[in-house]
C-alpha cells in the first residue's frame, strides 16, 4: 500500500476540550457559585440595613468557621462517593471532652489535644467500618451520629461547663491586629491551602477522584482505596474535633448537644459548592464559596428579622436546586444538541 492509499487519520474529539480554554475555566458550576456569592453580597450591602456594620464581617466568619473547617475534609469524603454524617456529634463529643477535662483542672491546650485524639478515634472507627468491613458510609455514620452524641450527653448530662480561662475564650473571638478579621481565619486559611494542594496537586488527590469515579478501576490502577478512605475519615474526625474546641471556647460553654444539626449545613454547603453526591467531581474553591454563600444569606436574612425556620427553608431550596441543576442542565444540552443524520444504506440509495 502506498502512502496515498493509506486511510486518512481521524482526530479524536474530547468533549472536555471542545470549547476554548477560557470557557472551560469560567463556565463551571464553581464559577457560577462564586458569581452568585458576589451578587448576594452586593445586594446585601445595598438593601440590608446594618450589613455594612463593622460587626457583620467578624461575626460572619465566626459563625461559618466550624462549617468552613469541616467542609474541607468532607469535600474529599464525598468526592470518593462516601459521606460522614457524624461530624456534628464529634463536635459535641470534643466539646464535652474539653469541658470535663478543664473542669477537672487540666490546662486548655492539654484538654484540646485530648479532644483532637478523641476525634481521631471517632474518624478511625468510621473509616474502619466503611473501608475495611465494607459497610455503607451512610448507614455507618448515621449510627455513629447517634453513638457519639449519646456518649457526649451521657458524660455531661444536662449541665454545661462554662468555667473556662478568660484568655482562651478571648482568643477564640480575638481580631488580627487592628483589622476586623478574627484570629480563627488563620487556621482556616492554612487548612484550606493544605487541602487544596492535597486534592488538586498531588497523586493522592487524583486517587480520590479515581475512587469516586470507580473504586474497582482505581484499585486496579494501584490506588489504595481502603487506606485512602480510612485516612479521609480520620481527617474528617480530627478537623471536626478541632471545630468542637473552637465552638466551645467561642461560646464559653461545653454541652453535649453543641452543634446539633451542623452536619446538614456542612453537607448542604459542599453540595451547593458543586461537589457531586455520587462522587468523582468537585473542587474546593466552589465549596468555600458555597459555605460563604450560605453564611451571607443567613446573616442578611437574620438582619432582616427573618425567622430561623424561613432561613432553613431558603437554604434547603438552594440545596435542592444545586442537586438537580446538573441533571436539568444536561437534559437541556441533550435537547439542544443536533442529532446526526442516520446513515443511508445501499438498499435505500
Protein backbone atom coordinates (compact mmCIF):
# COMPACT_ATOMS: atom_id res chain seq x y z
CA UNK A 1 0.00 0.00 0.00
CA UNK A 2 1.41 3.35 -0.97
CA UNK A 3 1.29 6.44 1.16
CA UNK A 4 -1.62 7.81 -0.79
CA UNK A 5 -3.56 4.55 -0.31
CA UNK A 6 -3.46 4.76 3.48
CA UNK A 7 -6.72 5.73 5.15
CA UNK A 8 -6.76 9.27 6.47
CA UNK A 9 -6.37 9.60 10.21
CA UNK A 10 -9.40 10.84 12.02
CA UNK A 11 -8.72 13.04 15.03
CA UNK A 12 -10.40 12.08 18.27
CA UNK A 13 -12.53 14.83 19.78
CA UNK A 14 -12.88 15.07 23.54
CA UNK A 15 -15.94 16.82 24.91
CA UNK A 16 -13.91 18.44 27.68
CA UNK A 17 -11.68 20.19 25.10
CA UNK A 18 -14.29 21.04 22.52
CA UNK A 19 -14.54 24.58 23.90
CA UNK A 20 -11.89 27.30 24.25
CA UNK A 21 -9.80 27.20 27.43
CA UNK A 22 -11.41 30.32 28.87
CA UNK A 23 -14.86 28.75 28.58
CA UNK A 24 -13.63 25.59 30.28
CA UNK A 25 -12.15 27.69 33.08
CA UNK A 26 -15.02 30.12 33.59
CA UNK A 27 -18.21 28.30 32.58
CA UNK A 28 -18.30 25.92 35.54
CA UNK A 29 -20.60 25.38 38.49
CA UNK A 30 -17.90 26.62 40.84
CA UNK A 31 -17.61 29.89 38.93
CA UNK A 32 -21.39 30.20 38.99
CA UNK A 33 -21.45 29.81 42.78
CA UNK A 34 -18.71 32.43 43.17
CA UNK A 35 -20.63 34.82 40.90
CA UNK A 36 -23.82 34.21 42.89
CA UNK A 37 -21.91 34.92 46.12
CA UNK A 38 -20.69 38.24 44.70
CA UNK A 39 -24.24 39.17 43.65
CA UNK A 40 -25.71 38.27 47.06
CA UNK A 41 -23.03 40.28 48.88
CA UNK A 42 -23.63 43.28 46.61
CA UNK A 43 -27.41 43.12 47.12
CA UNK A 44 -26.98 42.74 50.88
CA UNK A 45 -24.69 45.77 51.05
CA UNK A 46 -27.19 47.77 49.05
CA UNK A 47 -30.52 46.77 50.58
CA UNK A 48 -29.96 45.15 54.01
CA UNK A 49 -29.76 47.53 56.93
CA UNK A 50 -26.67 47.16 59.13
CA UNK A 51 -24.99 44.74 56.71
CA UNK A 52 -22.27 47.38 56.31
CA UNK A 53 -21.74 47.39 60.08
CA UNK A 54 -18.14 46.65 61.15
CA UNK A 55 -19.51 43.81 63.28
CA UNK A 56 -21.07 41.93 60.35
CA UNK A 57 -17.86 40.54 58.84
CA UNK A 58 -16.26 39.22 62.05
CA UNK A 59 -19.48 37.58 63.21
CA UNK A 60 -20.00 36.11 59.73
CA UNK A 61 -16.55 34.50 59.88
CA UNK A 62 -17.07 33.29 63.47
CA UNK A 63 -20.46 31.78 62.61
CA UNK A 64 -19.24 29.99 59.50
CA UNK A 65 -15.81 28.94 60.87
CA UNK A 66 -16.85 25.45 62.10
CA UNK A 67 -18.66 24.74 58.82
CA UNK A 68 -15.70 26.04 56.77
CA UNK A 69 -13.33 23.78 58.70
CA UNK A 70 -15.40 20.60 58.49
CA UNK A 71 -16.33 21.18 54.84
CA UNK A 72 -12.67 20.83 53.81
CA UNK A 73 -12.22 17.10 54.59
CA UNK A 74 -15.92 16.42 53.93
CA UNK A 75 -15.36 17.51 50.33
CA UNK A 76 -12.76 14.78 49.82
CA UNK A 77 -15.00 12.19 51.51
CA UNK A 78 -17.97 12.99 49.25
CA UNK A 79 -15.78 13.05 46.12
CA UNK A 80 -14.91 9.40 46.89
CA UNK A 81 -18.64 8.64 46.88
CA UNK A 82 -18.93 8.35 50.68
CA UNK A 83 -20.42 10.63 53.34
CA UNK A 84 -19.88 11.36 57.03
CA UNK A 85 -22.98 12.41 58.96
CA UNK A 86 -21.36 12.02 62.38
CA UNK A 87 -19.28 15.22 62.24
CA UNK A 88 -21.66 17.32 64.36
CA UNK A 89 -21.72 14.62 67.03
CA UNK A 90 -17.91 14.60 67.02
CA UNK A 91 -18.04 18.37 67.57
CA UNK A 92 -20.32 17.79 70.57
CA UNK A 93 -18.17 14.97 71.95
CA UNK A 94 -14.96 17.01 71.66
CA UNK A 95 -16.73 19.92 73.33
CA UNK A 96 -17.71 17.72 76.26
CA UNK A 97 -14.17 16.32 76.44
CA UNK A 98 -12.67 19.80 76.71
CA UNK A 99 -15.27 20.87 79.27
CA UNK A 100 -14.84 17.88 81.56
CA UNK A 101 -11.05 17.99 81.45
CA UNK A 102 -10.86 21.73 82.12
CA UNK A 103 -13.34 21.25 84.97
CA UNK A 104 -11.02 18.55 86.34
CA UNK A 105 -8.12 21.01 86.40
CA UNK A 106 -6.45 20.33 83.06
CA UNK A 107 -4.90 23.17 81.06
CA UNK A 108 -6.84 24.13 77.94
CA UNK A 109 -4.09 23.04 75.48
CA UNK A 110 -3.89 19.57 77.08
CA UNK A 111 -7.68 19.26 77.07
CA UNK A 112 -7.82 20.39 73.44
CA UNK A 113 -5.14 17.86 72.46
CA UNK A 114 -7.13 15.09 74.11
CA UNK A 115 -10.25 16.22 72.26
CA UNK A 116 -8.35 16.00 68.97
CA UNK A 117 -7.31 12.46 69.88
CA UNK A 118 -10.98 11.64 70.50
CA UNK A 119 -11.74 12.97 67.02
CA UNK A 120 -9.04 10.74 65.53
CA UNK A 121 -10.56 7.69 67.23
CA UNK A 122 -14.07 8.58 66.07
CA UNK A 123 -12.92 9.09 62.49
CA UNK A 124 -10.86 5.89 62.56
CA UNK A 125 -13.90 3.89 63.70
CA UNK A 126 -15.99 5.30 60.86
CA UNK A 127 -13.20 4.69 58.35
CA UNK A 128 -12.53 1.12 59.51
CA UNK A 129 -16.19 0.13 59.24
CA UNK A 130 -16.54 1.70 55.79
CA UNK A 131 -13.16 0.91 54.21
CA UNK A 132 -12.25 -2.48 55.66
CA UNK A 133 -15.56 -4.00 56.81
CA UNK A 134 -17.30 -2.76 53.68
CA UNK A 135 -20.37 -1.21 55.29
CA UNK A 136 -22.13 1.71 53.56
CA UNK A 137 -20.96 5.05 54.94
CA UNK A 138 -24.50 6.43 55.14
CA UNK A 139 -25.60 3.66 57.49
CA UNK A 140 -22.35 3.68 59.48
CA UNK A 141 -22.28 7.42 60.12
CA UNK A 142 -25.98 7.59 60.96
CA UNK A 143 -25.24 5.01 63.62
CA UNK A 144 -22.14 6.75 64.94
CA UNK A 145 -24.00 10.07 64.83
CA UNK A 146 -26.32 8.66 67.49
CA UNK A 147 -23.47 6.85 69.28
CA UNK A 148 -21.14 9.83 69.66
CA UNK A 149 -23.99 12.17 70.58
CA UNK A 150 -25.25 9.70 73.15
CA UNK A 151 -21.79 9.40 74.71
CA UNK A 152 -21.46 13.19 74.83
CA UNK A 153 -24.82 13.69 76.51
CA UNK A 154 -24.24 10.73 78.81
CA UNK A 155 -20.89 12.08 80.02
CA UNK A 156 -22.11 15.58 80.82
CA UNK A 157 -25.83 15.11 81.27
CA UNK A 158 -27.98 18.22 81.02
CA UNK A 159 -25.46 20.55 82.64
CA UNK A 160 -22.97 22.82 80.89
CA UNK A 161 -19.36 23.61 81.73
CA UNK A 162 -18.79 27.35 81.44
CA UNK A 163 -15.78 27.99 83.67
CA UNK A 164 -13.05 28.43 81.05
CA UNK A 165 -9.98 30.67 81.40
CA UNK A 166 -10.87 34.08 80.01
CA UNK A 167 -7.71 34.38 77.94
CA UNK A 168 -8.67 31.32 75.92
CA UNK A 169 -12.27 32.39 75.32
CA UNK A 170 -11.00 35.84 74.33
CA UNK A 171 -8.53 34.24 71.91
CA UNK A 172 -11.34 32.39 70.14
CA UNK A 173 -13.01 35.70 69.24
CA UNK A 174 -9.89 37.90 69.01
CA UNK A 175 -9.11 40.03 65.95
CA UNK A 176 -5.99 40.04 63.80
CA UNK A 177 -4.25 43.26 64.81
CA UNK A 178 -6.35 46.31 64.01
CA UNK A 179 -8.44 44.52 61.40
CA UNK A 180 -11.95 43.15 61.75
CA UNK A 181 -10.82 39.64 60.78
CA UNK A 182 -10.98 37.01 63.57
CA UNK A 183 -7.86 35.03 64.51
CA UNK A 184 -9.63 31.77 63.63
CA UNK A 185 -9.24 32.80 60.00
CA UNK A 186 -5.55 31.83 60.22
CA UNK A 187 -6.08 28.07 60.78
CA UNK A 188 -8.91 28.14 58.24
CA UNK A 189 -6.65 29.61 55.55
CA UNK A 190 -3.79 27.23 56.43
CA UNK A 191 -6.01 24.14 56.37
CA UNK A 192 -7.72 25.31 53.17
CA UNK A 193 -4.34 25.68 51.47
CA UNK A 194 -3.28 22.22 52.67
CA UNK A 195 -6.45 20.55 51.40
CA UNK A 196 -6.35 22.43 48.07
CA UNK A 197 -2.80 21.21 47.44
CA UNK A 198 -3.68 17.70 48.65
CA UNK A 199 -6.75 17.37 46.42
CA UNK A 200 -5.73 19.24 43.28
CA UNK A 201 -1.95 18.95 43.04
CA UNK A 202 -0.94 15.52 44.37
CA UNK A 203 -1.27 11.88 43.26
CA UNK A 204 -3.30 11.30 46.43
CA UNK A 205 -5.90 13.79 45.22
CA UNK A 206 -6.06 12.16 41.80
CA UNK A 207 -6.67 8.88 43.60
CA UNK A 208 -9.56 10.48 45.49
CA UNK A 209 -11.23 11.41 42.19
CA UNK A 210 -10.49 7.97 40.75
CA UNK A 211 -12.19 6.29 43.71
CA UNK A 212 -15.28 8.43 43.21
CA UNK A 213 -15.46 7.57 39.53
CA UNK A 214 -14.88 3.84 40.02
CA UNK A 215 -13.41 2.21 43.10
CA UNK A 216 -12.64 -1.01 41.19
CA UNK A 217 -10.81 0.85 38.42
CA UNK A 218 -8.89 2.88 41.00
CA UNK A 219 -7.89 -0.31 42.80
CA UNK A 220 -6.61 -1.90 39.59
CA UNK A 221 -4.71 1.33 38.87
CA UNK A 222 -2.77 0.96 42.11
CA UNK A 223 -4.76 3.31 44.35
CA UNK A 224 -5.03 2.12 47.94
CA UNK A 225 -8.79 2.53 48.14
CA UNK A 226 -9.26 1.26 51.70
CA UNK A 227 -6.30 3.20 53.09
CA UNK A 228 -7.42 6.38 51.33
CA UNK A 229 -10.94 6.17 52.71
CA UNK A 230 -9.66 5.41 56.21
CA UNK A 231 -7.36 8.44 56.11
CA UNK A 232 -10.14 10.72 54.87
CA UNK A 233 -12.49 9.69 57.68
CA UNK A 234 -9.68 10.21 60.22
CA UNK A 235 -9.08 13.69 58.80
CA UNK A 236 -12.80 14.47 59.00
CA UNK A 237 -12.99 13.36 62.63
CA UNK A 238 -9.86 15.31 63.56
CA UNK A 239 -10.98 18.55 61.92
CA UNK A 240 -14.47 18.16 63.42
CA UNK A 241 -12.87 17.80 66.86
CA UNK A 242 -10.83 20.97 66.25
CA UNK A 243 -14.04 22.74 65.25
CA UNK A 244 -15.57 21.49 68.51
CA UNK A 245 -12.75 23.02 70.54
CA UNK A 246 -13.23 26.35 68.77
CA UNK A 247 -17.02 26.12 69.17
CA UNK A 248 -16.63 25.54 72.91
CA UNK A 249 -14.21 28.39 73.50
CA UNK A 250 -16.08 30.79 71.26
CA UNK A 251 -19.33 30.40 73.21
CA UNK A 252 -17.61 29.61 76.52
CA UNK A 253 -19.87 26.62 77.03
CA UNK A 254 -19.38 22.86 76.75
CA UNK A 255 -22.62 20.94 76.26
CA UNK A 256 -23.48 17.52 74.93
CA UNK A 257 -25.91 18.99 72.40
CA UNK A 258 -23.48 21.54 70.94
CA UNK A 259 -23.61 21.82 67.13
CA UNK A 260 -26.72 19.66 66.78
CA UNK A 261 -27.74 19.64 63.11
CA UNK A 262 -24.46 21.10 61.84
CA UNK A 263 -23.80 18.03 59.69
CA UNK A 264 -26.69 19.05 57.41
CA UNK A 265 -25.24 22.55 57.00
CA UNK A 266 -21.86 21.09 56.07
CA UNK A 267 -23.29 18.66 53.52
CA UNK A 268 -25.52 21.41 52.09
CA UNK A 269 -22.53 23.72 51.65
CA UNK A 270 -20.42 21.01 49.99
CA UNK A 271 -23.15 20.05 47.52
CA UNK A 272 -24.02 23.67 46.85
CA UNK A 273 -20.34 24.24 46.04
CA UNK A 274 -20.53 21.86 43.10
CA UNK A 275 -19.44 18.51 44.57
CA UNK A 276 -21.39 15.60 43.11
CA UNK A 277 -23.23 13.50 45.69
CA UNK A 278 -22.38 10.49 43.50
CA UNK A 279 -18.64 11.18 43.76
CA UNK A 280 -15.89 11.84 41.26
CA UNK A 281 -16.47 15.58 40.83
CA UNK A 282 -15.91 18.76 42.81
CA UNK A 283 -13.44 21.49 43.69
CA UNK A 284 -12.59 23.14 46.98
CA UNK A 285 -12.91 26.73 45.76
CA UNK A 286 -16.54 26.04 44.91
CA UNK A 287 -17.12 24.52 48.35
CA UNK A 288 -15.61 27.53 50.13
CA UNK A 289 -17.85 29.80 48.05
CA UNK A 290 -20.84 27.61 48.93
CA UNK A 291 -20.13 27.89 52.66
CA UNK A 292 -19.77 31.66 52.43
CA UNK A 293 -22.93 31.92 50.31
CA UNK A 294 -24.97 30.13 52.96
CA UNK A 295 -23.35 32.28 55.66
CA UNK A 296 -24.07 35.55 53.84
CA UNK A 297 -27.67 34.57 53.08
CA UNK A 298 -28.26 33.55 56.71
CA UNK A 299 -26.64 36.72 58.05
CA UNK A 300 -28.57 39.02 55.74
CA UNK A 301 -31.89 37.33 56.50
CA UNK A 302 -31.27 37.49 60.26
CA UNK A 303 -30.57 41.22 59.96
CA UNK A 304 -33.93 41.48 58.19
CA UNK A 305 -35.57 39.75 61.19
CA UNK A 306 -36.43 36.62 59.18
CA UNK A 307 -37.14 33.62 61.41
CA UNK A 308 -34.83 30.62 61.59
CA UNK A 309 -37.48 28.33 60.03
CA UNK A 310 -37.75 30.54 56.95
CA UNK A 311 -33.95 30.71 56.67
CA UNK A 312 -33.80 26.89 56.78
CA UNK A 313 -36.44 26.70 54.03
CA UNK A 314 -34.44 29.04 51.80
CA UNK A 315 -31.16 27.18 52.39
CA UNK A 316 -32.95 23.87 51.77
CA UNK A 317 -34.30 25.22 48.49
CA UNK A 318 -30.78 26.26 47.46
CA UNK A 319 -29.56 22.76 48.25
CA UNK A 320 -32.31 21.10 46.20
CA UNK A 321 -31.58 23.41 43.27
CA UNK A 322 -27.87 22.66 43.49
CA UNK A 323 -28.51 18.91 43.42
CA UNK A 324 -30.95 18.90 40.49
CA UNK A 325 -29.27 21.63 38.41
CA UNK A 326 -26.65 19.31 36.79
CA UNK A 327 -29.36 16.92 35.62
CA UNK A 328 -31.51 19.78 34.29
CA UNK A 329 -28.51 21.33 32.52
CA UNK A 330 -27.54 18.01 30.95
CA UNK A 331 -31.13 17.48 29.77
CA UNK A 332 -31.21 20.93 28.15
CA UNK A 333 -27.88 20.30 26.43
CA UNK A 334 -29.14 16.98 25.07
CA UNK A 335 -32.31 18.59 23.75
CA UNK A 336 -30.40 21.41 22.04
CA UNK A 337 -27.71 19.17 20.56
CA UNK A 338 -28.49 18.43 16.89
CA UNK A 339 -28.93 14.76 16.13
CA UNK A 340 -26.66 13.31 13.49
CA UNK A 341 -28.46 12.07 10.37
CA UNK A 342 -28.93 8.33 10.08
CA UNK A 343 -26.53 6.83 7.52
CA UNK A 344 -28.26 5.71 4.33
CA UNK A 345 -27.78 2.05 3.43
CA UNK A 346 -27.13 0.74 -0.05
CA UNK A 347 -30.64 -0.58 -0.30
CA UNK A 348 -32.05 2.91 0.34
CA UNK A 349 -29.91 4.67 -2.29
